[in-house]
Structure formats: C-alpha cells, structure tokens
Amino acid sequence: MTRLLSFFLSLLLLCSCNGRMVSSAEGQGDTVPMKYATLLTMVKYKDHMHVTIKDPWHQGKILHEYDITHPYHRAVVFTSSHCQLLYYLHAQDNIAGVCDLQYMVLPDMKNRVKKGKVEDCGNGLSPMVEKIIDLKADALLVSPFENSGGYGKLEKLGIPIIEAADYMETSALGRAEWMKFYGLLFGKEREADSLFNKVDSTYSALKAFAKRLPKGKSVLTERKTGAVWYCPGGQSSLGILISDAHGGYAFASDKHSGSLPLPFEEVLDKAGNTDIWAFRFNGVKPMSKQDLLNEFYGYDGLKAFRLGNIYECNTTVTPYFEEVSFRPDFLLRELIQLLHPGVNLGGLKYYQRLE
C-alpha cells in the first residue's frame, strides 16, 4: 500500500503557486532554453508555465516545482538583490513589502516605505507574519538555505513561497539568467529576456576585451573571519569572473564552486604575494590600514597591504549586492579596471582605494 501510494504521488506535481495539482503526463510543452542556468527548468504549456528548481544541496533531488498561470501583483521580497531586479524589470510597483530594509541601498524603496506605499516586514529570518497577512500578499520571494528547517509560520499562510535559489548557481551569468523566471512571475517576460540578452552580450564583449589585454594583476578577495579566510573557489562565480577579467588568482586552479575556508597561514603562503587586495565590508565609515591591523595584525604580511594596493567596497553605502547579482557585467567591468591599471571603462563604481 505504501509503495502504491508513493508511486501515485510521484506521478503528480504539487503546485505551490495556485494550489492545483498537475499531472506530469499532461502533454508536451516547449522548454524555455537556458544558456547558463543549471538549476532552473521552465516548460511552457498552453495555459501555464511549469518551473522546476533543482535542489542545489542534494544532487538529483528537486527543491521546488511551480505552475505559473498568472502574474503576481503584491509580493513580499526578502532580499535587496531581488528588489533591485524588479526595478530593472520595471516591476517595482509589484513590491508590497520588504524584509531587512536596513541593509538595502535603495533610496526609492526606503522612500516608498516611509510614505507607506511599501510595508517594512522586519527581519528576513523572523518576519512580521501579521503584517504580511494584512498586506494580502500573493507571493513571498525568499532565499532558501541548506538545512534551514523550512519557513515556519510562513508555510501556513497559504501564500506561494518562491524559493529564489539563484545565488547557488556556479556562474554569474547562470544566476543572472534566473531573471527570466522572475520576469515570468511578475508579467515582465519581455523585459527580462531583453535585459538578459543585454547582460549576456555586454559580459561577452568585456570578456573578449580583457582577453586581448596583457595578463592583469593578481587579486586576493575578502578578509579573515574568525579563524579562517573564506576565499572563492577557482570554479566559483567570483573565481570565474577574475579569470574572465584576465587577472591572476592564487586559487584559480582549484575546482571548488564554493568558498574555501582556509587558515591565514595557507592564504599567506599561497596568496601572500598577490598584487591587489580587494574586500567588501559593512561599516559606517571607510576603513584604514590601522583599522585592518587592529582587526588582525597578520595582514601586514601581505604584499598588497605593505604596498598600499588595498581596495574596499563598503556595502552600507555602495549598491554592490543589489546590482551585481543580476548585472555581472557591471562587476566584470569593475574587475577589469581594478586588475588592469590604466584601463578606463568609466571608472570604479563599487571599490575605492583604501587611504
């Protein structure tokens, strides 16, 4: 009986967008071509779009499946990068509420909240459920995490939870391609296709431009956190971006697509002679070399520190996270200029040299 029930359930796909059940044998559909995204599949049928999101943490498993039959109009968006994307797609009016407003570098969104046009729904990890109910939201756009244990009270609201796993793509263009999914959700398919084609072509042109330049400077990213330094793996999105910028990276040959938790001694040994150190931080003021030494005295062992080739990106005032998630061409342009002194493609937008 249990096996029979399991077999029957495997033939059906639960739709969390409109509550109806969909047979996996409902007929042939047209698969939307994906050029870079590996976790997302979209199949267009006569009356709906079927979307499958692979589980990025468990190979061969499905994270979520949706049937999209109509656009959403009142979404609560949990991340600043997706808020910015909806601005790019001219769908900002579809945002009814946001979480983690204090971390957003989006003046218009803060102004909308101030005027009462958008509701501040509190902390993304513990949102104000009552506010979400009062908003009559028709979708919740959230970022899933491995072993998160689910979404608690949000799962009981009957509001579709859109699991935005785009950040788990291993390439920057793969993540950007998810805008096709989000464009579909909010009735902005044409805008999303147009924007992605622009991102793709611009990125490709910049990559080709960088390849024609002499080999650029080498770069070390991030800072020591606790006992380890999280360096991007060679096949991570940032590792690939550095390669596409034709720059040097001490861990370029590494095959990991995630971060490498390394002790400082190993970073110093393998990347201590790196030309440029570029990191992101969240602070009320720019950092100084003394601030860095106060944080960890070992930084002065880095060649880039000693020569003053240090660049910081203060994400409190710079829209780094908002923009580069779906505009990797912006970040590639930044890296090319950072790693190829003398090349000017409009100047640095996110990083500034530490004084």
Protein backbone atom coordinates (compact mmCIF):
# COMPACT_ATOMS: atom_id res chain seq x y z
CA MET A 1 0.00 0.00 0.00
CA THR A 2 2.80 2.40 0.89
CA ARG A 3 4.65 1.65 -2.34
CA LEU A 4 1.45 2.12 -4.37
CA LEU A 5 0.79 5.47 -2.69
CA SER A 6 4.38 6.55 -3.29
CA PHE A 7 4.14 5.62 -6.96
CA PHE A 8 0.88 7.55 -7.34
CA LEU A 9 2.28 10.65 -5.67
CA SER A 10 5.36 10.54 -7.88
CA LEU A 11 3.09 11.00 -10.90
CA LEU A 12 1.72 14.23 -9.54
CA LEU A 13 3.43 17.57 -9.08
CA LEU A 14 2.14 19.77 -6.31
CA CYS A 15 1.74 23.34 -7.42
CA SER A 16 2.52 25.83 -4.66
CA CYS A 17 1.59 28.82 -6.82
CA ASN A 18 -2.13 28.32 -7.27
CA GLY A 19 -2.87 25.20 -5.29
CA ARG A 20 -3.92 22.94 -8.15
CA MET A 21 -2.34 19.55 -8.82
CA VAL A 22 -0.70 18.93 -12.15
CA SER A 23 -0.13 15.60 -13.82
CA SER A 24 3.38 15.00 -15.08
CA ALA A 25 1.77 13.47 -18.17
CA GLU A 26 -0.31 16.49 -19.17
CA GLY A 27 1.21 16.69 -22.61
CA GLN A 28 4.25 18.04 -24.37
CA GLY A 29 5.40 21.54 -23.62
CA ASP A 30 8.09 23.80 -25.02
CA THR A 31 11.18 24.07 -22.85
CA VAL A 32 12.49 27.58 -22.46
CA PRO A 33 16.17 27.43 -23.48
CA MET A 34 18.64 28.18 -20.69
CA LYS A 35 22.12 29.20 -21.80
CA TYR A 36 23.89 29.20 -18.42
CA ALA A 37 21.48 28.40 -15.56
CA THR A 38 21.78 24.79 -14.39
CA LEU A 39 19.28 24.71 -11.51
CA LEU A 40 16.25 26.08 -13.36
CA THR A 41 13.96 24.46 -15.93
CA MET A 42 10.95 26.21 -17.44
CA VAL A 43 8.46 24.42 -19.70
CA LYS A 44 5.71 26.38 -21.44
CA TYR A 45 2.32 24.73 -21.86
CA LYS A 46 -0.83 26.11 -23.43
CA ASP A 47 -2.26 27.53 -20.20
CA HIS A 48 0.70 27.73 -17.82
CA MET A 49 4.44 27.59 -17.33
CA HIS A 50 5.86 24.69 -15.34
CA VAL A 51 9.01 25.60 -13.41
CA THR A 52 11.35 23.13 -11.74
CA ILE A 53 14.12 24.20 -9.36
CA LYS A 54 16.79 21.60 -8.65
CA ASP A 55 17.97 21.16 -5.09
CA PRO A 56 21.48 22.68 -5.14
CA TRP A 57 22.48 20.81 -1.98
CA HIS A 58 21.26 17.32 -2.90
CA GLN A 59 22.13 16.10 -6.37
CA GLY A 60 19.25 14.52 -8.25
CA LYS A 61 16.57 16.00 -5.99
CA ILE A 62 14.04 18.75 -6.60
CA LEU A 63 13.86 21.80 -4.35
CA HIS A 64 10.50 23.06 -5.64
CA GLU A 65 8.11 22.92 -8.58
CA TYR A 66 5.62 25.57 -9.64
CA ASP A 67 2.88 26.05 -12.17
CA ILE A 68 2.57 29.70 -13.08
CA THR A 69 -0.79 30.59 -14.55
CA HIS A 70 -0.89 34.33 -13.89
CA PRO A 71 1.43 37.15 -12.80
CA TYR A 72 1.74 38.19 -9.17
CA HIS A 73 0.97 41.74 -8.09
CA ARG A 74 1.66 42.01 -4.34
CA ALA A 75 4.88 40.30 -3.37
CA VAL A 76 6.90 40.47 -0.18
CA VAL A 77 10.56 40.45 -1.23
CA PHE A 78 13.10 39.24 1.32
CA THR A 79 16.35 40.31 -0.38
CA SER A 80 17.71 43.59 -1.72
CA SER A 81 19.10 41.97 -4.87
CA HIS A 82 15.64 40.82 -5.94
CA CYS A 83 14.17 44.22 -5.11
CA GLN A 84 16.75 45.80 -7.39
CA LEU A 85 15.98 43.26 -10.11
CA LEU A 86 12.30 44.21 -10.02
CA TYR A 87 13.36 47.81 -10.53
CA TYR A 88 15.42 46.71 -13.53
CA LEU A 89 12.31 44.96 -14.89
CA HIS A 90 10.04 47.95 -14.16
CA ALA A 91 8.09 45.79 -11.72
CA GLN A 92 8.82 47.77 -8.54
CA ASP A 93 5.11 48.52 -8.12
CA ASN A 94 4.60 44.79 -7.53
CA ILE A 95 6.55 45.01 -4.27
CA ALA A 96 4.09 45.27 -1.39
CA GLY A 97 6.53 44.54 1.41
CA VAL A 98 10.23 44.01 2.08
CA CYS A 99 12.41 42.43 4.75
CA ASP A 100 15.79 43.61 6.05
CA LEU A 101 15.16 47.16 4.87
CA GLN A 102 18.06 48.44 6.99
CA TYR A 103 20.53 46.59 4.76
CA MET A 104 19.17 47.93 1.49
CA VAL A 105 20.93 50.61 -0.52
CA LEU A 106 17.82 51.52 -2.50
CA PRO A 107 16.76 55.13 -1.83
CA ASP A 108 13.47 54.84 -3.71
CA MET A 109 12.47 51.73 -1.78
CA LYS A 110 13.23 53.41 1.54
CA ASN A 111 11.19 56.38 0.39
CA ARG A 112 8.27 54.11 -0.54
CA VAL A 113 8.37 52.56 2.91
CA LYS A 114 8.50 56.00 4.51
CA LYS A 115 5.43 57.08 2.53
CA GLY A 116 3.55 53.90 3.40
CA LYS A 117 3.49 52.56 -0.14
CA VAL A 118 5.57 49.53 0.86
CA GLU A 119 5.49 47.79 4.24
CA ASP A 120 8.60 47.00 6.27
CA CYS A 121 8.09 43.38 7.28
CA GLY A 122 11.07 43.18 9.61
CA ASN A 123 13.90 40.68 9.81
CA GLY A 124 14.08 38.20 6.96
CA LEU A 125 14.87 35.32 9.33
CA SER A 126 11.93 36.21 11.59
CA PRO A 127 9.48 38.31 9.54
CA MET A 128 6.37 40.00 10.92
CA VAL A 129 3.77 37.48 9.82
CA GLU A 130 0.83 39.66 10.84
CA LYS A 131 2.00 42.45 8.53
CA ILE A 132 2.35 40.00 5.65
CA ILE A 133 -1.21 38.81 6.25
CA ASP A 134 -2.53 42.38 6.37
CA LEU A 135 -0.80 43.15 3.09
CA LYS A 136 -2.79 40.44 1.33
CA ALA A 137 0.45 39.39 -0.33
CA ASP A 138 0.11 36.93 -3.20
CA ALA A 139 3.76 35.76 -3.24
CA LEU A 140 6.78 35.59 -0.94
CA LEU A 141 10.16 35.80 -2.65
CA VAL A 142 12.71 34.25 -0.28
CA SER A 143 16.25 32.81 -0.48
CA PRO A 144 16.45 29.19 0.67
CA PHE A 145 19.29 27.86 2.81
CA GLU A 146 20.66 24.38 3.29
CA ASN A 147 19.14 22.63 6.32
CA SER A 148 17.05 25.70 7.13
CA GLY A 149 14.24 23.57 8.53
CA GLY A 150 11.61 25.28 6.39
CA TYR A 151 9.86 28.62 6.68
CA GLY A 152 7.91 28.21 9.89
CA LYS A 153 4.68 30.22 10.10
CA LEU A 154 5.06 31.45 6.54
CA GLU A 155 4.28 27.96 5.28
CA LYS A 156 0.88 28.07 6.98
CA LEU A 157 -0.28 31.30 5.34
CA GLY A 158 -1.33 29.73 2.07
CA ILE A 159 0.80 32.26 0.17
CA PRO A 160 3.10 30.84 -2.54
CA ILE A 161 6.71 30.76 -1.37
CA ILE A 162 9.05 31.37 -4.28
CA GLU A 163 12.41 29.82 -3.40
CA ALA A 164 14.98 32.10 -5.01
CA ALA A 165 17.92 29.70 -5.23
CA ASP A 166 19.63 31.71 -7.97
CA TYR A 167 22.59 32.51 -5.71
CA MET A 168 23.54 28.83 -5.74
CA GLU A 169 24.35 28.87 -9.46
CA THR A 170 28.06 28.36 -10.01
CA SER A 171 28.39 31.03 -12.70
CA ALA A 172 27.49 34.70 -12.56
CA LEU A 173 25.64 34.51 -15.89
CA GLY A 174 23.81 31.42 -14.66
CA ARG A 175 22.48 33.40 -11.72
CA ALA A 176 21.60 36.36 -13.91
CA GLU A 177 19.59 34.10 -16.22
CA TRP A 178 17.12 33.47 -13.41
CA MET A 179 15.68 36.88 -14.24
CA LYS A 180 13.67 35.01 -16.89
CA PHE A 181 11.87 33.20 -14.05
CA TYR A 182 11.28 36.36 -12.05
CA GLY A 183 10.11 38.20 -15.16
CA LEU A 184 7.56 35.42 -15.69
CA LEU A 185 6.34 35.73 -12.09
CA PHE A 186 5.52 39.40 -12.47
CA GLY A 187 4.36 39.56 -16.08
CA LYS A 188 7.66 41.02 -17.30
CA GLU A 189 8.89 38.25 -19.58
CA ARG A 190 9.82 40.54 -22.46
CA GLU A 191 11.68 42.92 -20.18
CA ALA A 192 13.57 40.02 -18.60
CA ASP A 193 14.54 38.48 -21.93
CA SER A 194 15.69 41.85 -23.24
CA LEU A 195 17.73 42.63 -20.12
CA PHE A 196 19.36 39.22 -20.00
CA ASN A 197 20.36 39.45 -23.67
CA LYS A 198 21.96 42.81 -22.88
CA VAL A 199 23.79 41.41 -19.83
CA ASP A 200 24.99 38.39 -21.79
CA SER A 201 26.25 40.37 -24.80
CA THR A 202 27.90 43.05 -22.66
CA TYR A 203 29.61 40.46 -20.47
CA SER A 204 30.86 38.56 -23.52
CA ALA A 205 32.22 41.74 -25.11
CA LEU A 206 34.02 42.72 -21.89
CA LYS A 207 35.48 39.23 -21.54
CA ALA A 208 36.77 39.34 -25.12
CA PHE A 209 38.23 42.81 -24.49
CA ALA A 210 40.03 41.63 -21.34
CA LYS A 211 41.43 38.60 -23.13
CA ARG A 212 43.22 40.90 -25.59
CA LEU A 213 44.95 42.75 -22.75
CA PRO A 214 48.24 41.60 -21.21
CA LYS A 215 47.78 39.39 -18.14
CA GLY A 216 46.39 41.56 -15.37
CA LYS A 217 47.34 41.97 -11.72
CA SER A 218 46.61 39.18 -9.25
CA VAL A 219 43.91 39.72 -6.64
CA LEU A 220 43.04 38.41 -3.19
CA THR A 221 39.47 38.90 -2.01
CA GLU A 222 37.63 39.09 1.33
CA ARG A 223 39.15 39.16 4.85
CA LYS A 224 39.86 36.80 7.69
CA THR A 225 36.68 35.78 9.54
CA GLY A 226 37.31 34.23 12.92
CA ALA A 227 39.92 31.52 12.49
CA VAL A 228 39.55 31.18 8.71
CA TRP A 229 39.69 33.20 5.50
CA TYR A 230 36.91 32.34 3.05
CA CYS A 231 38.49 32.53 -0.40
CA PRO A 232 36.39 31.93 -3.53
CA GLY A 233 36.97 28.55 -5.12
CA GLY A 234 38.55 28.56 -8.54
CA GLN A 235 35.26 27.49 -10.15
CA SER A 236 33.07 29.80 -8.07
CA SER A 237 31.26 32.66 -9.76
CA LEU A 238 33.85 35.15 -8.46
CA GLY A 239 36.74 32.88 -9.36
CA ILE A 240 35.40 32.68 -12.92
CA LEU A 241 34.87 36.45 -13.02
CA ILE A 242 38.52 37.03 -12.09
CA SER A 243 39.56 34.66 -14.88
CA ASP A 244 37.23 36.40 -17.35
CA ALA A 245 38.80 39.72 -16.34
CA HIS A 246 42.15 38.13 -17.36
CA GLY A 247 43.56 38.63 -13.89
CA GLY A 248 45.63 36.39 -11.66
CA TYR A 249 44.26 34.45 -8.71
CA ALA A 250 46.25 32.21 -6.37
CA PHE A 251 43.46 29.63 -6.20
CA ALA A 252 42.49 29.70 -9.88
CA SER A 253 43.34 26.01 -10.36
CA ASP A 254 41.07 24.96 -7.51
CA LYS A 255 38.00 23.01 -8.70
CA HIS A 256 35.52 24.05 -5.98
CA SER A 257 32.49 26.17 -6.88
CA GLY A 258 32.00 27.43 -3.34
CA SER A 259 34.23 29.13 -0.78
CA LEU A 260 37.46 27.69 0.59
CA PRO A 261 37.74 28.05 4.40
CA LEU A 262 41.48 28.45 4.77
CA PRO A 263 43.71 29.22 7.75
CA PHE A 264 45.56 32.52 7.42
CA GLU A 265 48.89 30.69 7.20
CA GLU A 266 47.80 28.96 3.99
CA VAL A 267 46.46 32.20 2.50
CA LEU A 268 49.74 33.91 3.34
CA ASP A 269 51.74 31.05 1.85
CA LYS A 270 49.80 30.79 -1.42
CA ALA A 271 48.48 34.33 -1.90
CA GLY A 272 50.80 36.48 0.20
CA ASN A 273 52.47 37.97 -2.89
CA THR A 274 49.19 38.88 -4.58
CA ASP A 275 49.29 42.34 -6.17
CA ILE A 276 45.89 43.66 -5.06
CA TRP A 277 43.72 43.00 -2.04
CA ALA A 278 40.05 43.85 -2.60
CA PHE A 279 37.42 43.15 0.05
CA ARG A 280 33.86 44.04 0.98
CA PHE A 281 32.72 45.19 4.39
CA ASN A 282 29.75 46.77 6.09
CA GLY A 283 30.59 49.86 8.10
CA VAL A 284 29.66 53.42 8.97
CA LYS A 285 32.94 54.84 7.61
CA PRO A 286 35.81 53.87 5.32
CA MET A 287 38.44 51.60 6.81
CA SER A 288 42.11 52.49 7.24
CA LYS A 289 45.23 50.36 7.31
CA GLN A 290 45.31 50.81 11.07
CA ASP A 291 41.70 49.56 11.32
CA LEU A 292 42.77 46.43 9.48
CA LEU A 293 45.77 45.88 11.74
CA ASN A 294 43.57 46.39 14.79
CA GLU A 295 41.33 43.67 13.36
CA PHE A 296 44.24 41.28 12.68
CA TYR A 297 47.93 42.09 12.96
CA GLY A 298 48.87 39.42 10.41
CA TYR A 299 47.56 41.46 7.48
CA ASP A 300 50.87 43.29 7.28
CA GLY A 301 52.37 40.06 5.93
CA LEU A 302 50.52 40.60 2.67
CA LYS A 303 52.43 42.26 -0.17
CA ALA A 304 49.32 44.22 -1.20
CA PHE A 305 49.00 45.58 2.34
CA ARG A 306 52.61 46.69 2.52
CA LEU A 307 52.44 48.42 -0.88
CA GLY A 308 49.07 50.01 -0.15
CA ASN A 309 47.26 48.25 -3.00
CA ILE A 310 44.12 47.76 -0.92
CA TYR A 311 40.61 48.36 -2.24
CA GLU A 312 37.48 48.33 -0.11
CA CYS A 313 33.81 48.09 -1.00
CA ASN A 314 31.55 49.43 1.75
CA THR A 315 28.23 47.70 1.11
CA THR A 316 26.49 50.03 3.56
CA VAL A 317 26.69 52.85 1.02
CA THR A 318 27.55 51.04 -2.22
CA PRO A 319 24.84 49.04 -4.07
CA TYR A 320 27.17 46.10 -4.66
CA PHE A 321 24.83 43.32 -3.54
CA GLU A 322 21.80 44.99 -5.07
CA GLU A 323 23.30 45.32 -8.53
CA VAL A 324 25.93 42.70 -9.34
CA SER A 325 23.74 39.68 -8.57
CA PHE A 326 21.86 40.17 -11.83
CA ARG A 327 24.31 42.51 -13.57
CA PRO A 328 27.57 40.53 -13.52
CA ASP A 329 28.67 42.65 -16.47
CA PHE A 330 28.90 45.55 -14.01
CA LEU A 331 31.25 43.56 -11.78
CA LEU A 332 33.33 42.29 -14.70
CA ARG A 333 33.83 45.90 -15.84
CA GLU A 334 34.94 46.76 -12.31
CA LEU A 335 37.41 43.89 -12.11
CA ILE A 336 38.94 44.64 -15.50
CA GLN A 337 39.71 48.19 -14.39
CA LEU A 338 40.94 47.02 -10.98
CA LEU A 339 43.30 44.39 -12.41
CA HIS A 340 44.47 46.34 -15.45
CA PRO A 341 45.75 49.73 -14.23
CA GLY A 342 45.41 52.34 -16.95
CA VAL A 343 42.26 50.81 -18.46
CA ASN A 344 39.31 53.15 -18.01
CA LEU A 345 35.84 51.80 -18.69
CA GLY A 346 34.02 54.53 -16.83
CA GLY A 347 35.83 54.33 -13.52
CA LEU A 348 35.36 52.19 -10.42
CA LYS A 349 31.84 52.12 -9.02
CA TYR A 350 31.98 49.72 -6.09
CA TYR A 351 35.59 49.68 -4.85
CA GLN A 352 37.77 52.54 -3.73
CA ARG A 353 41.43 52.57 -2.82
CA LEU A 354 41.97 52.48 0.92
CA GLU A 355 43.84 55.56 2.14
